[in-house]
Amino acid sequence: MSLSEKCGVFGAQSESGEVFPILYWGMLAQNHRGHQSHGFATWDGEIELYTQLGLIPPNQGHGFNVKTLKGSVGIANVRYATSGALDLGARQRDAMPIAVKGEKRSVVISFNGNIVNVRELQDRVGVDRSYSDTHALALLLVKKLDETGSIEEAARACMEGIDGSFAVTGLVDDGTLFAFKDPIGVKPLCYGKAEGVHGFSSESVGLDINGLKWDHEFRPGEFMSIEEGEVIKRQLVESSRRAFCAFEFAYFMRPDSRMNGKFVYQARVDFGRALAHVYAEKAKRCDIVVSLPETADDAAYGFHEATDIPWERATRRHRYVTQRAFITDAEDRKSVIYRKVNILESLIKGRSLAVVDDSIVRGDTTKGTVKRFREAGAKEIHLFITYPRIIGPCFYGIDMATYTQLIGARMTPEEIAKEVGANSVNYLDIETYVKCTGLSKEQLCLGCITNGYPTPMADSLAKQMWERVKKGEAETGRIYESTR
């Protein structure tokens, strides 16, 4: 698998003490959502900000191996870029949280998502096009806060003026903590609490690690704010539909996070069981089940349960090689793939493998993995993929912006099998995948596997670009950044 999620967000208020430990642990639990940079912002009479490149470092001894910020309220972020320039200076500049000053007020925000009408918004608020979309959203927010005096109304302006996805936590310069979600709810964002503590988190694991009890997942278009312990909850924009990112279930979210009333691992186990039933005849050719750790482990268990084929833990992840292949630069991806997973060759030699994986995106990760299984002496290699074939780009915060980089947009499953060196490639179909999530088609964003997108500009751009690709025109980069 070779892809990247944009960010993870967190925010908390502690009525009885310093909030930084809560921010640190809440964000550390979500380090998997972005490896390029991390940061924290707190309020203690004024906003203090700290950002740094790379993963959040582990806690060392009795202290934190990052700058500790003072205050009882704050936000945090981990980021991977799907907007803006990618050079070192840009990554440092675009690291979040991002603080902006208006004529009257100031805000700092942590953002997960992607703005499709980014060029129009950048021009409207006066942001250089080399900056990430977060700067544009933050400036729109502070401009509307200056105009209206209300952070609620500022959030409403974002919901009404942006085509794309966003889950935001933020701080106003008076110490107000707030959070809101786009009108179709593409990205995860939940709220939890304990005695004297309130928290917002991309995933429920950020609450769990702090002993906060999960309360609810944000509805699309929902806004919440907390000021001195007073909780305000508003439905600012009503939406005709929900479009939660279907890929979260297969890959991005931690298995112990909850969504739609169930833990993510339960959906993944169901994916594996479903693959076993759909491809029962193909499964009979296999001697052992092998998974690509760690996102495919639960699906492999489900496959094993449904087939009674032994699940051999013949692949092991190197614990301290933390990069996810999709988050690395292209030139580093191959070396990361080889260094990240170790293969126990004696368990592979002479056997036919049912290899369970979460997805195939560009195909380079899969090709390299199959090659290593062949070198280990595998007799046959049948790939069972939980996420349906990806045929279109993502506009909402996953790093797959063009058709030509997607192997599934160019090839059939049979052609993909030949390209990557497998005996077969077997995808879970869309209908079965959706059923396993517990949501309906109308509640999910399935754009990358159907080529139908839930926001108008994204849908229009996808159709335009596909027509150009069919004519042989080259794609020059992120679709949403190459258009006016």
Protein backbone atom coordinates (compact mmCIF):
# COMPACT_ATOMS: atom_id res chain seq x y z
CA MET A 1 0.00 0.00 0.00
CA SER A 2 1.40 3.42 -0.90
CA LEU A 3 -0.72 6.33 0.30
CA SER A 4 -1.01 9.13 2.89
CA GLU A 5 -3.58 10.69 5.17
CA LYS A 6 -3.33 14.40 5.70
CA CYS A 7 -3.49 14.99 9.46
CA GLY A 8 -4.71 14.23 12.93
CA VAL A 9 -6.15 16.87 15.23
CA PHE A 10 -6.68 17.16 18.96
CA GLY A 11 -7.88 19.78 21.44
CA ALA A 12 -8.54 19.83 25.17
CA GLN A 13 -9.39 21.96 28.17
CA SER A 14 -8.46 21.01 31.71
CA GLU A 15 -10.22 22.96 34.46
CA SER A 16 -7.82 21.85 37.18
CA GLY A 17 -4.35 21.93 35.70
CA GLU A 18 -1.93 22.09 32.78
CA VAL A 19 -3.33 20.76 29.52
CA PHE A 20 -0.06 19.92 27.76
CA PRO A 21 0.24 16.31 29.01
CA ILE A 22 -3.28 15.66 27.68
CA LEU A 23 -2.37 17.16 24.31
CA TYR A 24 0.86 15.20 24.12
CA TRP A 25 -0.67 11.80 24.83
CA GLY A 26 -3.76 12.48 22.74
CA MET A 27 -1.64 13.32 19.72
CA LEU A 28 0.97 10.61 20.31
CA ALA A 29 -1.87 8.08 20.05
CA GLN A 30 -2.51 9.46 16.55
CA ASN A 31 1.08 9.69 15.30
CA HIS A 32 0.08 7.31 12.49
CA ARG A 33 -2.04 10.02 10.83
CA GLY A 34 0.88 12.25 9.78
CA HIS A 35 4.66 11.85 9.86
CA GLN A 36 5.96 15.07 8.34
CA SER A 37 5.44 17.44 11.26
CA HIS A 38 3.78 17.89 14.62
CA GLY A 39 2.88 20.81 16.84
CA PHE A 40 1.08 22.16 19.90
CA ALA A 41 -0.57 25.45 20.85
CA THR A 42 -1.85 26.49 24.28
CA TRP A 43 -3.47 29.55 25.81
CA ASP A 44 -2.34 31.01 29.14
CA GLY A 45 -3.44 34.63 28.77
CA GLU A 46 -1.96 34.54 25.27
CA ILE A 47 -1.38 31.89 22.61
CA GLU A 48 1.94 30.03 22.63
CA LEU A 49 2.89 27.86 19.66
CA TYR A 50 5.41 25.07 19.04
CA THR A 51 5.92 23.13 15.79
CA GLN A 52 8.59 20.72 14.64
CA LEU A 53 9.25 18.42 11.70
CA GLY A 54 8.90 14.66 12.06
CA LEU A 55 6.96 12.39 14.39
CA ILE A 56 6.04 13.32 17.93
CA PRO A 57 8.96 11.87 19.92
CA PRO A 58 8.33 9.38 22.73
CA ASN A 59 8.14 10.47 26.34
CA GLN A 60 11.59 10.32 27.93
CA GLY A 61 11.77 9.42 31.61
CA HIS A 62 9.63 11.77 33.66
CA GLY A 63 9.57 14.59 31.11
CA PHE A 64 8.45 15.27 27.57
CA ASN A 65 10.96 15.26 24.74
CA VAL A 66 9.24 18.31 23.22
CA LYS A 67 8.80 21.88 24.39
CA THR A 68 6.22 21.96 27.20
CA LEU A 69 3.68 24.77 26.83
CA LYS A 70 1.81 26.38 29.71
CA GLY A 71 -1.94 26.77 29.97
CA SER A 72 -5.15 24.90 30.71
CA VAL A 73 -6.46 24.83 27.13
CA GLY A 74 -4.78 23.87 23.86
CA ILE A 75 -4.73 22.06 20.53
CA ALA A 76 -2.31 19.75 18.70
CA ASN A 77 -1.62 18.32 15.25
CA VAL A 78 0.29 15.75 13.21
CA ARG A 79 0.56 16.48 9.48
CA TYR A 80 1.33 15.03 6.10
CA ALA A 81 1.14 17.48 3.18
CA THR A 82 -1.57 17.13 0.53
CA SER A 83 -1.58 20.86 -0.21
CA GLY A 84 1.15 23.46 -0.71
CA ALA A 85 4.81 23.13 -1.66
CA LEU A 86 6.86 20.14 -0.49
CA ASP A 87 10.35 21.58 0.04
CA LEU A 88 11.85 21.72 3.51
CA GLY A 89 11.06 25.38 4.04
CA ALA A 90 7.44 24.87 3.05
CA ARG A 91 7.06 21.90 5.37
CA GLN A 92 8.38 23.98 8.24
CA ARG A 93 6.14 26.93 7.36
CA ASP A 94 3.03 24.79 6.90
CA ALA A 95 3.49 22.70 10.04
CA MET A 96 0.45 22.96 12.28
CA PRO A 97 -1.11 24.35 14.38
CA ILE A 98 -1.12 27.56 12.32
CA ALA A 99 -1.70 30.94 13.95
CA VAL A 100 -3.09 33.98 12.13
CA LYS A 101 -3.82 37.54 13.23
CA GLY A 102 -6.75 39.59 12.01
CA GLU A 103 -7.40 43.28 12.47
CA LYS A 104 -9.05 42.65 15.84
CA ARG A 105 -8.63 39.02 16.83
CA SER A 106 -6.25 36.07 16.51
CA VAL A 107 -6.85 32.36 16.10
CA VAL A 108 -4.74 29.22 15.87
CA ILE A 109 -6.04 26.06 14.22
CA SER A 110 -5.27 22.38 13.71
CA PHE A 111 -6.75 21.09 10.45
CA ASN A 112 -7.42 17.70 8.87
CA GLY A 113 -8.83 17.65 5.36
CA ASN A 114 -8.33 19.26 1.98
CA ILE A 115 -9.86 22.26 0.22
CA VAL A 116 -10.83 21.61 -3.39
CA ASN A 117 -11.55 25.27 -4.27
CA VAL A 118 -8.18 26.18 -2.73
CA ARG A 119 -7.12 28.56 -5.53
CA GLU A 120 -10.34 30.59 -5.34
CA LEU A 121 -10.10 30.76 -1.55
CA GLN A 122 -6.41 31.70 -1.56
CA ASP A 123 -7.11 34.55 -3.97
CA ARG A 124 -10.11 35.70 -1.94
CA VAL A 125 -8.29 35.92 1.40
CA GLY A 126 -4.90 36.93 -0.02
CA VAL A 127 -2.69 33.86 0.58
CA ASP A 128 0.27 33.00 -1.65
CA ARG A 129 -0.44 29.90 -3.75
CA SER A 130 2.67 28.11 -2.51
CA TYR A 131 1.17 28.01 1.01
CA SER A 132 -0.98 25.10 2.19
CA ASP A 133 -4.77 25.33 2.19
CA THR A 134 -4.75 25.54 6.01
CA HIS A 135 -3.46 29.12 5.83
CA ALA A 136 -6.39 30.07 3.60
CA LEU A 137 -8.95 28.48 5.90
CA ALA A 138 -7.38 30.11 8.96
CA LEU A 139 -7.46 33.54 7.31
CA LEU A 140 -11.08 33.11 6.24
CA LEU A 141 -11.89 32.14 9.82
CA VAL A 142 -10.19 35.16 11.41
CA LYS A 143 -11.62 37.59 8.84
CA LYS A 144 -15.14 36.39 9.59
CA LEU A 145 -14.39 36.50 13.33
CA ASP A 146 -13.34 40.15 12.96
CA GLU A 147 -16.51 40.93 10.99
CA THR A 148 -19.04 39.12 13.17
CA GLY A 149 -17.39 38.86 16.58
CA SER A 150 -18.54 35.23 16.69
CA ILE A 151 -16.40 32.14 16.21
CA GLU A 152 -19.62 30.23 15.45
CA GLU A 153 -20.40 32.52 12.53
CA ALA A 154 -16.81 32.28 11.35
CA ALA A 155 -17.08 28.49 11.33
CA ARG A 156 -20.38 28.75 9.46
CA ALA A 157 -18.64 30.83 6.76
CA CYS A 158 -16.08 28.04 6.30
CA MET A 159 -18.83 25.44 6.00
CA GLU A 160 -20.70 27.50 3.42
CA GLY A 161 -17.70 28.73 1.41
CA ILE A 162 -15.45 25.70 1.08
CA ASP A 163 -15.70 22.74 -1.29
CA GLY A 164 -13.78 19.95 0.37
CA SER A 165 -13.29 18.28 3.71
CA PHE A 166 -12.25 19.60 7.08
CA ALA A 167 -12.16 18.66 10.73
CA VAL A 168 -10.83 21.59 12.77
CA THR A 169 -9.82 22.24 16.35
CA GLY A 170 -8.84 25.78 17.30
CA LEU A 171 -8.17 28.43 19.90
CA VAL A 172 -9.33 32.04 19.96
CA ASP A 173 -7.11 34.64 21.62
CA ASP A 174 -9.54 34.86 24.55
CA GLY A 175 -8.96 31.21 25.44
CA THR A 176 -12.03 29.74 23.74
CA LEU A 177 -11.51 26.20 22.48
CA PHE A 178 -13.59 25.22 19.45
CA ALA A 179 -14.01 22.43 16.94
CA PHE A 180 -16.11 21.87 13.82
CA LYS A 181 -16.61 19.54 10.90
CA ASP A 182 -17.48 20.05 7.23
CA PRO A 183 -21.12 19.76 6.09
CA ILE A 184 -20.74 16.23 4.69
CA GLY A 185 -18.49 14.88 7.44
CA VAL A 186 -15.66 13.37 5.41
CA LYS A 187 -13.09 13.32 8.21
CA PRO A 188 -13.40 11.78 11.68
CA LEU A 189 -13.76 14.03 14.73
CA CYS A 190 -15.14 13.05 18.13
CA TYR A 191 -15.77 14.56 21.55
CA GLY A 192 -15.16 13.07 24.99
CA LYS A 193 -14.98 14.18 28.58
CA ALA A 194 -14.03 13.31 32.15
CA GLU A 195 -14.32 15.19 35.42
CA GLY A 196 -13.07 18.71 34.64
CA VAL A 197 -11.65 17.78 31.22
CA HIS A 198 -13.09 18.11 27.71
CA GLY A 199 -11.41 16.80 24.57
CA PHE A 200 -11.75 16.75 20.78
CA SER A 201 -9.89 14.14 18.75
CA SER A 202 -9.67 12.80 15.20
CA GLU A 203 -9.88 9.29 16.62
CA SER A 204 -11.31 7.94 19.85
CA VAL A 205 -7.91 6.50 20.83
CA GLY A 206 -6.80 10.07 21.56
CA LEU A 207 -9.53 10.26 24.18
CA ASP A 208 -8.96 6.74 25.53
CA ILE A 209 -5.29 7.28 26.29
CA ASN A 210 -6.25 10.25 28.46
CA GLY A 211 -9.05 8.49 30.33
CA LEU A 212 -11.71 10.59 28.60
CA LYS A 213 -15.04 8.91 27.97
CA TRP A 214 -16.17 9.01 24.36
CA ASP A 215 -19.37 11.03 24.05
CA HIS A 216 -20.15 11.28 20.34
CA GLU A 217 -18.83 11.57 16.79
CA PHE A 218 -19.37 15.04 15.34
CA ARG A 219 -22.27 15.28 12.96
CA PRO A 220 -21.57 16.86 9.56
CA GLY A 221 -21.82 20.64 9.99
CA GLU A 222 -21.56 20.47 13.78
CA PHE A 223 -19.73 23.07 15.89
CA MET A 224 -18.68 22.93 19.53
CA SER A 225 -16.92 25.42 21.79
CA ILE A 226 -15.69 25.32 25.37
CA GLU A 227 -14.96 28.38 27.44
CA GLU A 228 -14.18 28.06 31.15
CA GLY A 229 -15.93 24.70 31.26
CA GLU A 230 -19.12 25.86 29.49
CA VAL A 231 -19.90 23.57 26.55
CA ILE A 232 -21.81 24.91 23.55
CA LYS A 233 -22.97 22.60 20.78
CA ARG A 234 -24.56 23.86 17.56
CA GLN A 235 -25.68 22.38 14.26
CA LEU A 236 -24.57 25.27 12.03
CA VAL A 237 -25.27 23.79 8.60
CA GLU A 238 -27.74 21.06 7.73
CA SER A 239 -26.59 18.64 5.05
CA SER A 240 -28.66 16.47 2.77
CA ARG A 241 -26.14 13.64 3.13
CA ARG A 242 -23.17 12.29 5.02
CA ALA A 243 -20.00 11.23 3.15
CA PHE A 244 -17.54 9.75 5.64
CA CYS A 245 -14.26 8.59 4.07
CA ALA A 246 -14.64 4.88 3.32
CA PHE A 247 -10.87 4.40 3.33
CA GLU A 248 -10.65 5.17 7.05
CA PHE A 249 -12.11 1.74 7.81
CA ALA A 250 -9.57 -0.16 5.69
CA TYR A 251 -6.40 1.72 6.47
CA PHE A 252 -6.09 5.03 8.27
CA MET A 253 -7.82 4.64 11.60
CA ARG A 254 -6.30 2.60 14.37
CA PRO A 255 -8.13 -0.72 14.86
CA ASP A 256 -8.99 0.21 18.44
CA SER A 257 -10.67 3.45 17.39
CA ARG A 258 -14.44 3.42 17.20
CA MET A 259 -16.67 4.58 14.38
CA ASN A 260 -20.40 4.17 13.88
CA GLY A 261 -20.80 2.32 17.16
CA LYS A 262 -18.16 -0.35 16.52
CA PHE A 263 -14.41 -0.68 16.75
CA VAL A 264 -12.61 -0.41 13.43
CA TYR A 265 -10.97 -3.81 13.89
CA GLN A 266 -14.42 -5.43 13.84
CA ALA A 267 -15.08 -4.05 10.36
CA ARG A 268 -11.66 -5.31 9.23
CA VAL A 269 -12.33 -8.81 10.54
CA ASP A 270 -15.60 -8.73 8.57
CA PHE A 271 -13.68 -7.65 5.43
CA GLY A 272 -11.51 -10.76 5.75
CA ARG A 273 -14.46 -13.06 6.28
CA ALA A 274 -16.21 -11.55 3.27
CA LEU A 275 -13.14 -12.03 1.06
CA ALA A 276 -13.04 -15.67 2.09
CA HIS A 277 -16.68 -16.18 1.11
CA VAL A 278 -16.55 -14.22 -2.15
CA TYR A 279 -13.39 -16.00 -3.30
CA ALA A 280 -13.96 -19.41 -1.69
CA GLU A 281 -12.69 -21.36 -4.71
CA LYS A 282 -9.54 -19.25 -4.97
CA ALA A 283 -8.92 -19.67 -1.25
CA LYS A 284 -8.90 -23.46 -1.63
CA ARG A 285 -5.66 -23.15 -3.63
CA CYS A 286 -3.85 -21.65 -0.62
CA ASP A 287 -1.91 -23.43 2.14
CA ILE A 288 -1.49 -20.53 4.56
CA VAL A 289 -2.83 -17.04 5.21
CA VAL A 290 -0.25 -14.25 5.43
CA SER A 291 -0.99 -10.62 6.28
CA LEU A 292 0.84 -7.39 5.61
CA PRO A 293 1.21 -5.86 9.07
CA GLU A 294 -0.42 -4.16 10.70
CA THR A 295 -3.54 -2.82 8.98
CA ALA A 296 -4.27 -6.19 7.31
CA ASP A 297 -3.83 -8.34 10.43
CA ASP A 298 -7.47 -8.20 11.53
CA ALA A 299 -8.71 -8.98 8.02
CA ALA A 300 -6.29 -11.92 7.83
CA TYR A 301 -7.74 -13.26 11.07
CA GLY A 302 -11.25 -13.02 9.60
CA PHE A 303 -10.08 -14.80 6.43
CA HIS A 304 -8.47 -17.53 8.54
CA GLU A 305 -11.63 -17.93 10.64
CA ALA A 306 -13.85 -18.30 7.59
CA THR A 307 -11.58 -20.76 5.73
CA ASP A 308 -9.81 -22.69 8.52
CA ILE A 309 -6.60 -22.08 6.57
CA PRO A 310 -3.72 -21.59 9.06
CA TRP A 311 -2.73 -17.97 9.61
CA GLU A 312 1.05 -17.92 9.74
CA ARG A 313 2.58 -14.75 11.16
CA ALA A 314 5.27 -14.98 8.50
CA THR A 315 5.64 -11.21 8.17
CA ARG A 316 6.79 -9.12 11.10
CA ARG A 317 7.00 -5.39 11.35
CA HIS A 318 10.16 -3.75 12.66
CA ARG A 319 8.76 -1.87 15.63
CA TYR A 320 11.04 1.15 15.38
CA VAL A 321 10.76 1.65 11.62
CA THR A 322 7.75 3.92 11.94
CA GLN A 323 7.23 5.32 8.45
CA ARG A 324 4.11 4.31 6.56
CA ALA A 325 5.15 3.73 2.95
CA PHE A 326 2.56 6.11 1.54
CA ILE A 327 3.81 8.95 3.75
CA THR A 328 7.37 8.83 2.45
CA ASP A 329 8.72 10.51 -0.65
CA ALA A 330 8.69 8.35 -3.78
CA GLU A 331 12.47 7.90 -3.85
CA ASP A 332 12.46 6.64 -0.24
CA ARG A 333 9.41 4.39 -0.53
CA LYS A 334 11.16 1.27 -1.79
CA SER A 335 13.79 1.28 0.94
CA VAL A 336 11.15 1.86 3.61
CA ILE A 337 9.11 -1.09 2.33
CA TYR A 338 12.10 -3.42 2.57
CA ARG A 339 13.20 -2.17 5.97
CA LYS A 340 9.75 -2.00 7.53
CA VAL A 341 8.67 -5.65 7.17
CA ASN A 342 10.73 -8.79 7.78
CA ILE A 343 9.70 -12.05 6.11
CA LEU A 344 10.19 -15.40 7.84
CA GLU A 345 11.35 -17.36 4.80
CA SER A 346 11.07 -20.88 6.24
CA LEU A 347 7.32 -20.40 6.71
CA ILE A 348 6.89 -19.32 3.08
CA LYS A 349 9.02 -21.77 1.09
CA GLY A 350 7.09 -24.21 -1.07
CA ARG A 351 3.66 -22.98 -0.01
CA SER A 352 0.77 -21.27 -1.77
CA LEU A 353 -0.03 -18.01 -0.03
CA ALA A 354 -3.28 -16.15 0.60
CA VAL A 355 -1.76 -12.72 1.17
CA VAL A 356 -4.25 -10.33 2.78
CA ASP A 357 -3.58 -6.61 2.36
CA ASP A 358 -5.65 -3.47 2.87
CA SER A 359 -5.29 -1.85 -0.56
CA ILE A 360 -3.31 -1.41 -3.75
CA VAL A 361 -2.71 2.19 -4.81
CA ARG A 362 0.32 2.83 -7.03
CA GLY A 363 1.37 -0.81 -7.04
CA ASP A 364 5.04 -0.31 -6.19
CA THR A 365 4.65 -1.50 -2.59
CA THR A 366 2.70 -4.58 -3.71
CA LYS A 367 5.19 -5.41 -6.44
CA GLY A 368 8.10 -5.23 -4.03
CA THR A 369 6.33 -7.39 -1.46
CA VAL A 370 5.38 -10.06 -4.00
CA LYS A 371 8.99 -10.13 -5.21
CA ARG A 372 10.19 -10.81 -1.69
CA PHE A 373 7.69 -13.65 -1.28
CA ARG A 374 8.93 -15.15 -4.55
CA GLU A 375 12.51 -14.88 -3.36
CA ALA A 376 11.47 -16.67 -0.16
CA GLY A 377 10.26 -19.63 -2.26
CA ALA A 378 6.49 -19.14 -2.36
CA LYS A 379 4.83 -21.55 -4.82
CA GLU A 380 1.75 -19.37 -5.55
CA ILE A 381 0.78 -15.89 -4.37
CA HIS A 382 -2.89 -14.88 -4.33
CA LEU A 383 -3.58 -11.34 -3.12
CA PHE A 384 -6.84 -10.68 -1.25
CA ILE A 385 -7.43 -6.93 -0.95
CA THR A 386 -9.97 -5.56 1.52
CA TYR A 387 -10.45 -2.14 -0.10
CA PRO A 388 -12.10 -2.17 -3.54
CA ARG A 389 -10.02 -1.26 -6.59
CA ILE A 390 -8.98 2.41 -6.46
CA ILE A 391 -9.77 4.01 -9.82
CA GLY A 392 -9.88 7.73 -9.07
CA PRO A 393 -7.97 10.46 -7.23
CA CYS A 394 -8.83 11.81 -3.80
CA PHE A 395 -9.74 15.47 -3.31
CA TYR A 396 -10.30 15.32 0.43
CA GLY A 397 -6.91 14.76 2.06
CA ILE A 398 -5.31 11.54 0.84
CA ASP A 399 -2.15 11.77 -1.25
CA MET A 400 -3.41 10.33 -4.54
CA ALA A 401 -4.22 13.33 -6.69
CA THR A 402 -3.87 11.99 -10.25
CA TYR A 403 -5.31 9.14 -12.31
CA THR A 404 -2.02 8.11 -13.89
CA GLN A 405 -0.39 7.27 -10.55
CA LEU A 406 -3.18 4.79 -9.71
CA ILE A 407 -2.58 1.28 -11.03
CA GLY A 408 -6.28 0.46 -10.65
CA ALA A 409 -7.28 3.30 -12.97
CA ARG A 410 -5.07 1.88 -15.73
CA MET A 411 -5.40 -1.89 -15.32
CA THR A 412 -7.87 -4.65 -14.63
CA PRO A 413 -7.30 -6.99 -11.66
CA GLU A 414 -5.85 -9.58 -14.06
CA GLU A 415 -3.46 -7.02 -15.52
CA ILE A 416 -2.48 -5.85 -12.05
CA ALA A 417 -1.69 -9.43 -11.02
CA LYS A 418 0.64 -9.77 -14.00
CA GLU A 419 2.25 -6.39 -13.32
CA VAL A 420 3.01 -7.10 -9.66
CA GLY A 421 3.95 -10.75 -10.20
CA ALA A 422 1.06 -12.39 -8.33
CA ASN A 423 -1.01 -15.38 -9.44
CA SER A 424 -4.20 -13.43 -8.79
CA VAL A 425 -5.50 -10.18 -7.32
CA ASN A 426 -8.87 -10.43 -5.61
CA TYR A 427 -10.59 -7.23 -4.46
CA LEU A 428 -13.56 -7.04 -2.12
CA ASP A 429 -16.47 -5.60 -4.10
CA ILE A 430 -17.96 -2.22 -3.20
CA GLU A 431 -21.35 -3.50 -2.04
CA THR A 432 -19.84 -6.04 0.34
CA TYR A 433 -17.26 -3.57 1.63
CA VAL A 434 -19.96 -1.00 2.41
CA LYS A 435 -22.07 -3.60 4.21
CA CYS A 436 -19.12 -4.52 6.45
CA THR A 437 -18.63 -0.91 7.56
CA GLY A 438 -22.16 -0.76 8.98
CA LEU A 439 -22.89 2.39 7.00
CA SER A 440 -24.83 2.82 3.77
CA LYS A 441 -23.50 4.00 0.41
CA GLU A 442 -25.22 7.34 0.99
CA GLN A 443 -23.26 7.78 4.24
CA LEU A 444 -19.81 7.20 2.73
CA CYS A 445 -17.44 9.00 0.37
CA LEU A 446 -16.62 6.37 -2.27
CA GLY A 447 -15.12 8.75 -4.83
CA CYS A 448 -11.80 6.93 -5.26
CA ILE A 449 -13.53 3.62 -6.03
CA THR A 450 -16.57 4.89 -7.99
CA ASN A 451 -15.39 8.14 -9.63
CA GLY A 452 -18.42 9.86 -8.15
CA TYR A 453 -17.61 12.60 -5.62
CA PRO A 454 -19.85 14.14 -2.95
CA THR A 455 -18.95 17.82 -3.54
CA PRO A 456 -19.66 19.69 -6.79
CA MET A 457 -16.20 21.02 -7.67
CA ALA A 458 -14.46 17.72 -6.94
CA ASP A 459 -16.93 15.82 -9.09
CA SER A 460 -16.54 18.30 -11.94
CA LEU A 461 -12.73 18.29 -11.80
CA ALA A 462 -12.59 14.51 -11.77
CA LYS A 463 -14.70 14.27 -14.90
CA GLN A 464 -12.61 16.93 -16.67
CA MET A 465 -9.32 15.27 -15.79
CA TRP A 466 -10.48 11.78 -16.76
CA GLU A 467 -11.47 13.03 -20.19
CA ARG A 468 -8.02 14.57 -20.61
CA VAL A 469 -6.30 11.38 -19.47
CA LYS A 470 -8.28 9.33 -21.99
CA LYS A 471 -7.00 11.69 -24.69
CA GLY A 472 -3.43 11.07 -23.59
CA GLU A 473 -2.85 14.42 -21.89
CA ALA A 474 -0.33 14.43 -19.05
CA GLU A 475 -1.35 15.19 -15.48
CA THR A 476 1.06 17.70 -14.00
CA GLY A 477 0.26 17.43 -10.31
CA ARG A 478 -2.57 17.78 -7.82
CA ILE A 479 -5.70 18.41 -9.82
CA TYR A 480 -7.13 20.94 -7.41
CA GLU A 481 -3.91 22.97 -7.40
CA SER A 482 -3.41 22.96 -11.17
CA THR A 483 -6.74 24.64 -11.90
CA ARG A 484 -8.17 28.08 -11.30
